[in-house]
Full PDB file with SEQRES, HELIX, SHEET, SSBOND, CRYST1, ORIGX, SCALE, CONECT and MASTER records, all heavy atoms in Angstrom:
SEQRES   1 A   34  ASP CYS GLN PHE ILE CYS SER GLY SER GLU ASP ASN THR          
SEQRES   2 A   34  VAL ARG VAL TRP ASP VAL ASP THR LYS GLN ILE GLN SER          
SEQRES   3 A   34  PHE TYR GLY HIS SER PRO ILE ALA                              
SHEET    1 AA1 3 PHE A   4  GLY A   8  0                                        
SHEET    2 AA1 3 VAL A  14  ASP A  18 -1                                        
SHEET    3 AA1 3 LYS A  22  PHE A  27 -1                                        
CRYST1    1.000    1.000    1.000  90.00  90.00  90.00 P 1           1          
ORIGX1      1.000000  0.000000  0.000000        0.00000                         
ORIGX2      0.000000  1.000000  0.000000        0.00000                         
ORIGX3      0.000000  0.000000  1.000000        0.00000                         
SCALE1      1.000000  0.000000  0.000000        0.00000                         
SCALE2      0.000000  1.000000  0.000000        0.00000                         
SCALE3      0.000000  0.000000  1.000000        0.00000                         
ATOM      1  N   ASP A   1    -115.828  -5.894 -21.900  1.00  0.00           N  
ATOM      2  CA  ASP A   1    -115.052  -5.866 -20.650  1.00  0.00           C  
ATOM      3  C   ASP A   1    -113.682  -5.208 -20.783  1.00  0.00           C  
ATOM      4  O   ASP A   1    -112.838  -5.373 -19.910  1.00  0.00           O  
ATOM      5  CB  ASP A   1    -114.882  -7.288 -20.082  1.00  0.00           C  
ATOM      6  CG  ASP A   1    -116.225  -7.909 -19.718  1.00  0.00           C  
ATOM      7  OD1 ASP A   1    -117.114  -7.165 -19.239  1.00  0.00           O  
ATOM      8  OD2 ASP A   1    -116.379  -9.122 -19.928  1.00  0.00           O  
ATOM      9  N   CYS A   2    -113.445  -4.469 -21.851  1.00  0.00           N  
ATOM     10  CA  CYS A   2    -112.206  -3.699 -21.994  1.00  0.00           C  
ATOM     11  C   CYS A   2    -112.551  -2.218 -21.901  1.00  0.00           C  
ATOM     12  O   CYS A   2    -113.612  -1.795 -22.352  1.00  0.00           O  
ATOM     13  CB  CYS A   2    -111.532  -3.982 -23.340  1.00  0.00           C  
ATOM     14  SG  CYS A   2    -110.960  -5.675 -23.512  1.00  0.00           S  
ATOM     15  N   GLN A   3    -111.636  -1.439 -21.311  1.00  0.00           N  
ATOM     16  CA  GLN A   3    -111.842  -0.004 -21.157  1.00  0.00           C  
ATOM     17  C   GLN A   3    -111.051   0.739 -22.223  1.00  0.00           C  
ATOM     18  O   GLN A   3    -109.860   0.499 -22.388  1.00  0.00           O  
ATOM     19  CB  GLN A   3    -111.372   0.447 -19.777  1.00  0.00           C  
ATOM     20  CG  GLN A   3    -112.128  -0.229 -18.647  1.00  0.00           C  
ATOM     21  CD  GLN A   3    -111.549   0.162 -17.310  1.00  0.00           C  
ATOM     22  OE1 GLN A   3    -111.754   1.272 -16.853  1.00  0.00           O  
ATOM     23  NE2 GLN A   3    -110.802  -0.749 -16.708  1.00  0.00           N  
ATOM     24  N   PHE A   4    -111.738   1.665 -22.929  1.00  0.00           N  
ATOM     25  CA  PHE A   4    -111.116   2.399 -24.015  1.00  0.00           C  
ATOM     26  C   PHE A   4    -111.281   3.906 -23.840  1.00  0.00           C  
ATOM     27  O   PHE A   4    -112.276   4.367 -23.289  1.00  0.00           O  
ATOM     28  CB  PHE A   4    -111.739   2.005 -25.353  1.00  0.00           C  
ATOM     29  CG  PHE A   4    -111.533   0.574 -25.743  1.00  0.00           C  
ATOM     30  CD1 PHE A   4    -112.529  -0.363 -25.553  1.00  0.00           C  
ATOM     31  CD2 PHE A   4    -110.330   0.165 -26.302  1.00  0.00           C  
ATOM     32  CE1 PHE A   4    -112.343  -1.683 -25.906  1.00  0.00           C  
ATOM     33  CE2 PHE A   4    -110.138  -1.163 -26.669  1.00  0.00           C  
ATOM     34  CZ  PHE A   4    -111.145  -2.080 -26.461  1.00  0.00           C  
ATOM     35  N   ILE A   5    -110.306   4.616 -24.338  1.00  0.00           N  
ATOM     36  CA  ILE A   5    -110.361   6.062 -24.457  1.00  0.00           C  
ATOM     37  C   ILE A   5    -110.068   6.396 -25.911  1.00  0.00           C  
ATOM     38  O   ILE A   5    -109.157   5.817 -26.509  1.00  0.00           O  
ATOM     39  CB  ILE A   5    -109.318   6.749 -23.548  1.00  0.00           C  
ATOM     40  CG1 ILE A   5    -109.665   6.522 -22.078  1.00  0.00           C  
ATOM     41  CG2 ILE A   5    -109.237   8.251 -23.854  1.00  0.00           C  
ATOM     42  CD1 ILE A   5    -108.611   7.031 -21.114  1.00  0.00           C  
ATOM     43  N   CYS A   6    -110.851   7.296 -26.485  1.00  0.00           N  
ATOM     44  CA  CYS A   6    -110.527   7.798 -27.823  1.00  0.00           C  
ATOM     45  C   CYS A   6    -110.231   9.282 -27.713  1.00  0.00           C  
ATOM     46  O   CYS A   6    -110.707   9.956 -26.801  1.00  0.00           O  
ATOM     47  CB  CYS A   6    -111.639   7.515 -28.839  1.00  0.00           C  
ATOM     48  SG  CYS A   6    -113.214   8.301 -28.514  1.00  0.00           S  
ATOM     49  N   SER A   7    -109.413   9.764 -28.627  1.00  0.00           N  
ATOM     50  CA  SER A   7    -108.993  11.168 -28.573  1.00  0.00           C  
ATOM     51  C   SER A   7    -108.907  11.730 -29.981  1.00  0.00           C  
ATOM     52  O   SER A   7    -108.547  11.040 -30.922  1.00  0.00           O  
ATOM     53  CB  SER A   7    -107.634  11.276 -27.873  1.00  0.00           C  
ATOM     54  OG  SER A   7    -106.666  10.475 -28.522  1.00  0.00           O  
ATOM     55  N   GLY A   8    -109.243  13.005 -30.090  1.00  0.00           N  
ATOM     56  CA  GLY A   8    -109.140  13.721 -31.353  1.00  0.00           C  
ATOM     57  C   GLY A   8    -108.214  14.906 -31.177  1.00  0.00           C  
ATOM     58  O   GLY A   8    -108.265  15.584 -30.154  1.00  0.00           O  
ATOM     59  N   SER A   9    -107.376  15.166 -32.177  1.00  0.00           N  
ATOM     60  CA  SER A   9    -106.330  16.163 -32.007  1.00  0.00           C  
ATOM     61  C   SER A   9    -106.192  17.060 -33.226  1.00  0.00           C  
ATOM     62  O   SER A   9    -106.630  16.711 -34.334  1.00  0.00           O  
ATOM     63  CB  SER A   9    -104.997  15.439 -31.756  1.00  0.00           C  
ATOM     64  OG  SER A   9    -103.911  16.345 -31.797  1.00  0.00           O  
ATOM     65  N   GLU A  10    -105.540  18.195 -33.022  1.00  0.00           N  
ATOM     66  CA  GLU A  10    -105.247  19.074 -34.153  1.00  0.00           C  
ATOM     67  C   GLU A  10    -104.070  18.555 -34.972  1.00  0.00           C  
ATOM     68  O   GLU A  10    -103.689  19.159 -35.960  1.00  0.00           O  
ATOM     69  CB  GLU A  10    -105.024  20.512 -33.693  1.00  0.00           C  
ATOM     70  CG  GLU A  10    -103.726  20.806 -33.020  1.00  0.00           C  
ATOM     71  CD  GLU A  10    -103.578  22.281 -32.675  1.00  0.00           C  
ATOM     72  OE1 GLU A  10    -104.574  22.987 -32.536  1.00  0.00           O  
ATOM     73  OE2 GLU A  10    -102.428  22.700 -32.529  1.00  0.00           O  
ATOM     74  N   ASP A  11    -103.488  17.402 -34.562  1.00  0.00           N  
ATOM     75  CA  ASP A  11    -102.471  16.778 -35.418  1.00  0.00           C  
ATOM     76  C   ASP A  11    -103.127  15.937 -36.530  1.00  0.00           C  
ATOM     77  O   ASP A  11    -102.469  15.146 -37.188  1.00  0.00           O  
ATOM     78  CB  ASP A  11    -101.490  15.931 -34.593  1.00  0.00           C  
ATOM     79  CG  ASP A  11    -102.139  14.704 -33.946  1.00  0.00           C  
ATOM     80  OD1 ASP A  11    -103.317  14.407 -34.221  1.00  0.00           O  
ATOM     81  OD2 ASP A  11    -101.460  14.041 -33.145  1.00  0.00           O  
ATOM     82  N   ASN A  12    -104.453  16.126 -36.711  1.00  0.00           N  
ATOM     83  CA  ASN A  12    -105.237  15.496 -37.782  1.00  0.00           C  
ATOM     84  C   ASN A  12    -105.433  13.994 -37.586  1.00  0.00           C  
ATOM     85  O   ASN A  12    -105.666  13.273 -38.552  1.00  0.00           O  
ATOM     86  CB  ASN A  12    -104.622  15.750 -39.165  1.00  0.00           C  
ATOM     87  CG  ASN A  12    -104.477  17.223 -39.472  1.00  0.00           C  
ATOM     88  OD1 ASN A  12    -105.077  18.062 -38.802  1.00  0.00           O  
ATOM     89  ND2 ASN A  12    -103.690  17.545 -40.471  1.00  0.00           N  
ATOM     90  N   THR A  13    -105.340  13.522 -36.355  1.00  0.00           N  
ATOM     91  CA  THR A  13    -105.547  12.099 -36.101  1.00  0.00           C  
ATOM     92  C   THR A  13    -106.611  11.883 -35.027  1.00  0.00           C  
ATOM     93  O   THR A  13    -106.853  12.736 -34.179  1.00  0.00           O  
ATOM     94  CB  THR A  13    -104.263  11.378 -35.639  1.00  0.00           C  
ATOM     95  OG1 THR A  13    -103.871  11.893 -34.364  1.00  0.00           O  
ATOM     96  CG2 THR A  13    -103.148  11.547 -36.641  1.00  0.00           C  
ATOM     97  N   VAL A  14    -107.219  10.711 -35.104  1.00  0.00           N  
ATOM     98  CA  VAL A  14    -108.053  10.169 -34.031  1.00  0.00           C  
ATOM     99  C   VAL A  14    -107.327   8.934 -33.552  1.00  0.00           C  
ATOM    100  O   VAL A  14    -106.868   8.116 -34.354  1.00  0.00           O  
ATOM    101  CB  VAL A  14    -109.457   9.813 -34.541  1.00  0.00           C  
ATOM    102  CG1 VAL A  14    -110.215   8.984 -33.523  1.00  0.00           C  
ATOM    103  CG2 VAL A  14    -110.231  11.074 -34.875  1.00  0.00           C  
ATOM    104  N   ARG A  15    -107.196   8.796 -32.240  1.00  0.00           N  
ATOM    105  CA  ARG A  15    -106.513   7.644 -31.672  1.00  0.00           C  
ATOM    106  C   ARG A  15    -107.409   6.948 -30.674  1.00  0.00           C  
ATOM    107  O   ARG A  15    -108.210   7.585 -29.995  1.00  0.00           O  
ATOM    108  CB  ARG A  15    -105.204   8.065 -31.005  1.00  0.00           C  
ATOM    109  CG  ARG A  15    -104.219   8.650 -31.998  1.00  0.00           C  
ATOM    110  CD  ARG A  15    -102.946   9.153 -31.320  1.00  0.00           C  
ATOM    111  NE  ARG A  15    -102.132   9.890 -32.277  1.00  0.00           N  
ATOM    112  CZ  ARG A  15    -101.063   9.401 -32.877  1.00  0.00           C  
ATOM    113  NH1 ARG A  15    -100.670   8.171 -32.623  1.00  0.00           N  
ATOM    114  NH2 ARG A  15    -100.383  10.131 -33.726  1.00  0.00           N  
ATOM    115  N   VAL A  16    -107.272   5.623 -30.623  1.00  0.00           N  
ATOM    116  CA  VAL A  16    -108.006   4.812 -29.652  1.00  0.00           C  
ATOM    117  C   VAL A  16    -106.985   4.159 -28.739  1.00  0.00           C  
ATOM    118  O   VAL A  16    -105.988   3.613 -29.205  1.00  0.00           O  
ATOM    119  CB  VAL A  16    -108.865   3.724 -30.350  1.00  0.00           C  
ATOM    120  CG1 VAL A  16    -109.610   2.894 -29.318  1.00  0.00           C  
ATOM    121  CG2 VAL A  16    -109.845   4.375 -31.317  1.00  0.00           C  
ATOM    122  N   TRP A  17    -107.259   4.222 -27.461  1.00  0.00           N  
ATOM    123  CA  TRP A  17    -106.346   3.701 -26.448  1.00  0.00           C  
ATOM    124  C   TRP A  17    -107.057   2.640 -25.624  1.00  0.00           C  
ATOM    125  O   TRP A  17    -108.163   2.855 -25.154  1.00  0.00           O  
ATOM    126  CB  TRP A  17    -105.895   4.811 -25.504  1.00  0.00           C  
ATOM    127  CG  TRP A  17    -105.534   6.097 -26.168  1.00  0.00           C  
ATOM    128  CD1 TRP A  17    -106.402   7.089 -26.554  1.00  0.00           C  
ATOM    129  CD2 TRP A  17    -104.243   6.535 -26.535  1.00  0.00           C  
ATOM    130  NE1 TRP A  17    -105.704   8.112 -27.123  1.00  0.00           N  
ATOM    131  CE2 TRP A  17    -104.383   7.812 -27.120  1.00  0.00           C  
ATOM    132  CE3 TRP A  17    -102.966   5.983 -26.416  1.00  0.00           C  
ATOM    133  CZ2 TRP A  17    -103.302   8.537 -27.589  1.00  0.00           C  
ATOM    134  CZ3 TRP A  17    -101.886   6.715 -26.875  1.00  0.00           C  
ATOM    135  CH2 TRP A  17    -102.056   7.974 -27.459  1.00  0.00           C  
ATOM    136  N   ASP A  18    -106.427   1.491 -25.466  1.00  0.00           N  
ATOM    137  CA  ASP A  18    -106.865   0.505 -24.499  1.00  0.00           C  
ATOM    138  C   ASP A  18    -106.199   0.910 -23.193  1.00  0.00           C  
ATOM    139  O   ASP A  18    -104.983   1.068 -23.138  1.00  0.00           O  
ATOM    140  CB  ASP A  18    -106.429  -0.893 -24.927  1.00  0.00           C  
ATOM    141  CG  ASP A  18    -106.906  -1.967 -23.972  1.00  0.00           C  
ATOM    142  OD1 ASP A  18    -106.679  -1.831 -22.751  1.00  0.00           O  
ATOM    143  OD2 ASP A  18    -107.481  -2.955 -24.442  1.00  0.00           O  
ATOM    144  N   VAL A  19    -106.983   1.103 -22.148  1.00  0.00           N  
ATOM    145  CA  VAL A  19    -106.446   1.605 -20.889  1.00  0.00           C  
ATOM    146  C   VAL A  19    -105.338   0.698 -20.352  1.00  0.00           C  
ATOM    147  O   VAL A  19    -104.368   1.168 -19.778  1.00  0.00           O  
ATOM    148  CB  VAL A  19    -107.575   1.775 -19.854  1.00  0.00           C  
ATOM    149  CG1 VAL A  19    -107.025   2.098 -18.488  1.00  0.00           C  
ATOM    150  CG2 VAL A  19    -108.533   2.869 -20.315  1.00  0.00           C  
ATOM    151  N   ASP A  20    -105.462  -0.607 -20.582  1.00  0.00           N  
ATOM    152  CA  ASP A  20    -104.474  -1.541 -20.053  1.00  0.00           C  
ATOM    153  C   ASP A  20    -103.264  -1.722 -20.955  1.00  0.00           C  
ATOM    154  O   ASP A  20    -102.147  -1.869 -20.483  1.00  0.00           O  
ATOM    155  CB  ASP A  20    -105.124  -2.907 -19.805  1.00  0.00           C  
ATOM    156  CG  ASP A  20    -106.176  -2.827 -18.715  1.00  0.00           C  
ATOM    157  OD1 ASP A  20    -105.934  -2.121 -17.720  1.00  0.00           O  
ATOM    158  OD2 ASP A  20    -107.245  -3.442 -18.878  1.00  0.00           O  
ATOM    159  N   THR A  21    -103.477  -1.706 -22.264  1.00  0.00           N  
ATOM    160  CA  THR A  21    -102.364  -2.018 -23.178  1.00  0.00           C  
ATOM    161  C   THR A  21    -101.887  -0.818 -23.983  1.00  0.00           C  
ATOM    162  O   THR A  21    -101.114  -0.970 -24.915  1.00  0.00           O  
ATOM    163  CB  THR A  21    -102.769  -3.128 -24.161  1.00  0.00           C  
ATOM    164  OG1 THR A  21    -103.854  -2.660 -24.977  1.00  0.00           O  
ATOM    165  CG2 THR A  21    -103.157  -4.389 -23.427  1.00  0.00           C  
ATOM    166  N   LYS A  22    -102.376   0.366 -23.637  1.00  0.00           N  
ATOM    167  CA  LYS A  22    -102.013   1.615 -24.315  1.00  0.00           C  
ATOM    168  C   LYS A  22    -102.644   1.696 -25.699  1.00  0.00           C  
ATOM    169  O   LYS A  22    -103.609   1.024 -25.992  1.00  0.00           O  
ATOM    170  CB  LYS A  22    -100.499   1.772 -24.362  1.00  0.00           C  
ATOM    171  CG  LYS A  22     -99.866   1.670 -22.977  1.00  0.00           C  
ATOM    172  CD  LYS A  22     -98.819   2.689 -22.799  1.00  0.00           C  
ATOM    173  CE  LYS A  22     -98.251   2.541 -21.395  1.00  0.00           C  
ATOM    174  NZ  LYS A  22     -97.293   3.527 -21.107  1.00  0.00           N  
ATOM    175  N   GLN A  23    -102.084   2.514 -26.590  1.00  0.00           N  
ATOM    176  CA  GLN A  23    -102.716   2.803 -27.880  1.00  0.00           C  
ATOM    177  C   GLN A  23    -102.873   1.546 -28.722  1.00  0.00           C  
ATOM    178  O   GLN A  23    -101.983   0.712 -28.781  1.00  0.00           O  
ATOM    179  CB  GLN A  23    -101.875   3.817 -28.653  1.00  0.00           C  
ATOM    180  CG  GLN A  23    -102.474   4.181 -29.994  1.00  0.00           C  
ATOM    181  CD  GLN A  23    -101.646   5.215 -30.704  1.00  0.00           C  
ATOM    182  OE1 GLN A  23    -100.978   6.010 -30.073  1.00  0.00           O  
ATOM    183  NE2 GLN A  23    -101.685   5.209 -32.021  1.00  0.00           N  
ATOM    184  N   ILE A  24    -104.031   1.424 -29.368  1.00  0.00           N  
ATOM    185  CA  ILE A  24    -104.227   0.282 -30.255  1.00  0.00           C  
ATOM    186  C   ILE A  24    -104.456   0.694 -31.704  1.00  0.00           C  
ATOM    187  O   ILE A  24    -104.276  -0.103 -32.596  1.00  0.00           O  
ATOM    188  CB  ILE A  24    -105.387  -0.626 -29.806  1.00  0.00           C  
ATOM    189  CG1 ILE A  24    -106.699   0.141 -29.800  1.00  0.00           C  
ATOM    190  CG2 ILE A  24    -105.098  -1.230 -28.455  1.00  0.00           C  
ATOM    191  CD1 ILE A  24    -107.903  -0.766 -29.675  1.00  0.00           C  
ATOM    192  N   GLN A  25    -104.870   1.957 -31.954  1.00  0.00           N  
ATOM    193  CA  GLN A  25    -105.190   2.335 -33.321  1.00  0.00           C  
ATOM    194  C   GLN A  25    -105.089   3.845 -33.528  1.00  0.00           C  
ATOM    195  O   GLN A  25    -105.417   4.612 -32.633  1.00  0.00           O  
ATOM    196  CB  GLN A  25    -106.610   1.884 -33.634  1.00  0.00           C  
ATOM    197  CG  GLN A  25    -106.934   1.754 -35.096  1.00  0.00           C  
ATOM    198  CD  GLN A  25    -106.078   0.703 -35.772  1.00  0.00           C  
ATOM    199  OE1 GLN A  25    -105.087   1.038 -36.401  1.00  0.00           O  
ATOM    200  NE2 GLN A  25    -106.437  -0.552 -35.640  1.00  0.00           N  
ATOM    201  N   SER A  26    -104.645   4.226 -34.713  1.00  0.00           N  
ATOM    202  CA  SER A  26    -104.643   5.628 -35.128  1.00  0.00           C  
ATOM    203  C   SER A  26    -105.332   5.735 -36.474  1.00  0.00           C  
ATOM    204  O   SER A  26    -105.151   4.885 -37.342  1.00  0.00           O  
ATOM    205  CB  SER A  26    -103.213   6.157 -35.286  1.00  0.00           C  
ATOM    206  OG  SER A  26    -102.557   6.183 -34.052  1.00  0.00           O  
ATOM    207  N   PHE A  27    -106.124   6.789 -36.631  1.00  0.00           N  
ATOM    208  CA  PHE A  27    -106.809   7.037 -37.887  1.00  0.00           C  
ATOM    209  C   PHE A  27    -106.393   8.401 -38.412  1.00  0.00           C  
ATOM    210  O   PHE A  27    -106.466   9.399 -37.694  1.00  0.00           O  
ATOM    211  CB  PHE A  27    -108.331   6.986 -37.709  1.00  0.00           C  
ATOM    212  CG  PHE A  27    -108.817   5.645 -37.252  1.00  0.00           C  
ATOM    213  CD1 PHE A  27    -109.124   5.418 -35.922  1.00  0.00           C  
ATOM    214  CD2 PHE A  27    -108.955   4.606 -38.150  1.00  0.00           C  
ATOM    215  CE1 PHE A  27    -109.567   4.182 -35.506  1.00  0.00           C  
ATOM    216  CE2 PHE A  27    -109.395   3.364 -37.733  1.00  0.00           C  
ATOM    217  CZ  PHE A  27    -109.699   3.150 -36.413  1.00  0.00           C  
ATOM    218  N   TYR A  28    -105.956   8.417 -39.660  1.00  0.00           N  
ATOM    219  CA  TYR A  28    -105.502   9.643 -40.297  1.00  0.00           C  
ATOM    220  C   TYR A  28    -106.537  10.108 -41.305  1.00  0.00           C  
ATOM    221  O   TYR A  28    -107.542   9.453 -41.516  1.00  0.00           O  
ATOM    222  CB  TYR A  28    -104.139   9.409 -40.965  1.00  0.00           C  
ATOM    223  CG  TYR A  28    -103.080   8.984 -39.984  1.00  0.00           C  
ATOM    224  CD1 TYR A  28    -102.892   7.640 -39.678  1.00  0.00           C  
ATOM    225  CD2 TYR A  28    -102.306   9.924 -39.317  1.00  0.00           C  
ATOM    226  CE1 TYR A  28    -101.946   7.246 -38.742  1.00  0.00           C  
ATOM    227  CE2 TYR A  28    -101.357   9.537 -38.390  1.00  0.00           C  
ATOM    228  CZ  TYR A  28    -101.176   8.193 -38.113  1.00  0.00           C  
ATOM    229  OH  TYR A  28    -100.240   7.805 -37.184  1.00  0.00           O  
ATOM    230  N   GLY A  29    -106.301  11.206 -41.941  1.00  0.00           N  
ATOM    231  CA  GLY A  29    -107.228  11.706 -42.944  1.00  0.00           C  
ATOM    232  C   GLY A  29    -108.175  12.738 -42.402  1.00  0.00           C  
ATOM    233  O   GLY A  29    -109.122  13.139 -43.062  1.00  0.00           O  
ATOM    234  N   HIS A  30    -107.949  13.174 -41.171  1.00  0.00           N  
ATOM    235  CA  HIS A  30    -108.755  14.233 -40.591  1.00  0.00           C  
ATOM    236  C   HIS A  30    -108.068  15.556 -40.902  1.00  0.00           C  
ATOM    237  O   HIS A  30    -106.994  15.837 -40.388  1.00  0.00           O  
ATOM    238  CB  HIS A  30    -108.865  14.062 -39.078  1.00  0.00           C  
ATOM    239  CG  HIS A  30    -109.627  12.854 -38.683  1.00  0.00           C  
ATOM    240  ND1 HIS A  30    -109.093  11.598 -38.755  1.00  0.00           N  
ATOM    241  CD2 HIS A  30    -110.887  12.704 -38.233  1.00  0.00           C  
ATOM    242  CE1 HIS A  30    -109.991  10.737 -38.336  1.00  0.00           C  
ATOM    243  NE2 HIS A  30    -111.088  11.370 -38.023  1.00  0.00           N  
ATOM    244  N   SER A  31    -108.695  16.348 -41.738  1.00  0.00           N  
ATOM    245  CA  SER A  31    -108.078  17.610 -42.100  1.00  0.00           C  
ATOM    246  C   SER A  31    -109.149  18.693 -42.022  1.00  0.00           C  
ATOM    247  O   SER A  31    -110.229  18.516 -42.578  1.00  0.00           O  
ATOM    248  CB  SER A  31    -107.501  17.520 -43.509  1.00  0.00           C  
ATOM    249  OG  SER A  31    -106.937  18.740 -43.888  1.00  0.00           O  
ATOM    250  N   PRO A  32    -108.910  19.774 -41.323  1.00  0.00           N  
ATOM    251  CA  PRO A  32    -107.665  20.107 -40.659  1.00  0.00           C  
ATOM    252  C   PRO A  32    -107.553  19.561 -39.238  1.00  0.00           C  
ATOM    253  O   PRO A  32    -106.471  19.297 -38.765  1.00  0.00           O  
ATOM    254  CB  PRO A  32    -107.692  21.640 -40.640  1.00  0.00           C  
ATOM    255  CG  PRO A  32    -109.143  21.992 -40.576  1.00  0.00           C  
ATOM    256  CD  PRO A  32    -109.850  20.900 -41.338  1.00  0.00           C  
ATOM    257  N   ILE A  33    -108.670  19.428 -38.504  1.00  0.00           N  
ATOM    258  CA  ILE A  33    -108.585  19.048 -37.090  1.00  0.00           C  
ATOM    259  C   ILE A  33    -109.671  18.027 -36.770  1.00  0.00           C  
ATOM    260  O   ILE A  33    -110.822  18.164 -37.197  1.00  0.00           O  
ATOM    261  CB  ILE A  33    -108.775  20.283 -36.169  1.00  0.00           C  
ATOM    262  CG1 ILE A  33    -107.633  21.277 -36.335  1.00  0.00           C  
ATOM    263  CG2 ILE A  33    -108.898  19.870 -34.718  1.00  0.00           C  
ATOM    264  CD1 ILE A  33    -107.842  22.575 -35.586  1.00  0.00           C  
ATOM    265  N   ALA A  34    -109.311  16.986 -36.014  1.00  0.00           N  
ATOM    266  CA  ALA A  34    -110.308  16.066 -35.449  1.00  0.00           C  
ATOM    267  C   ALA A  34    -110.825  16.728 -34.177  1.00  0.00           C  
ATOM    268  O   ALA A  34    -110.226  16.622 -33.115  1.00  0.00           O  
ATOM    269  CB  ALA A  34    -109.670  14.713 -35.151  1.00  0.00           C  
TER     270      ALA A  34                                                      
MASTER        0    0    0    0    3    0    0    6  269    1    0    3          
END                                                                             
């Protein structure tokens, strides 16, 4: 029952966002681009 958005970026991170509470997690180690 929670809404999430995940995003991948050329800043080498993947981020997960809870729509209501904003970002909840970042994952590093993506090289060169997620």
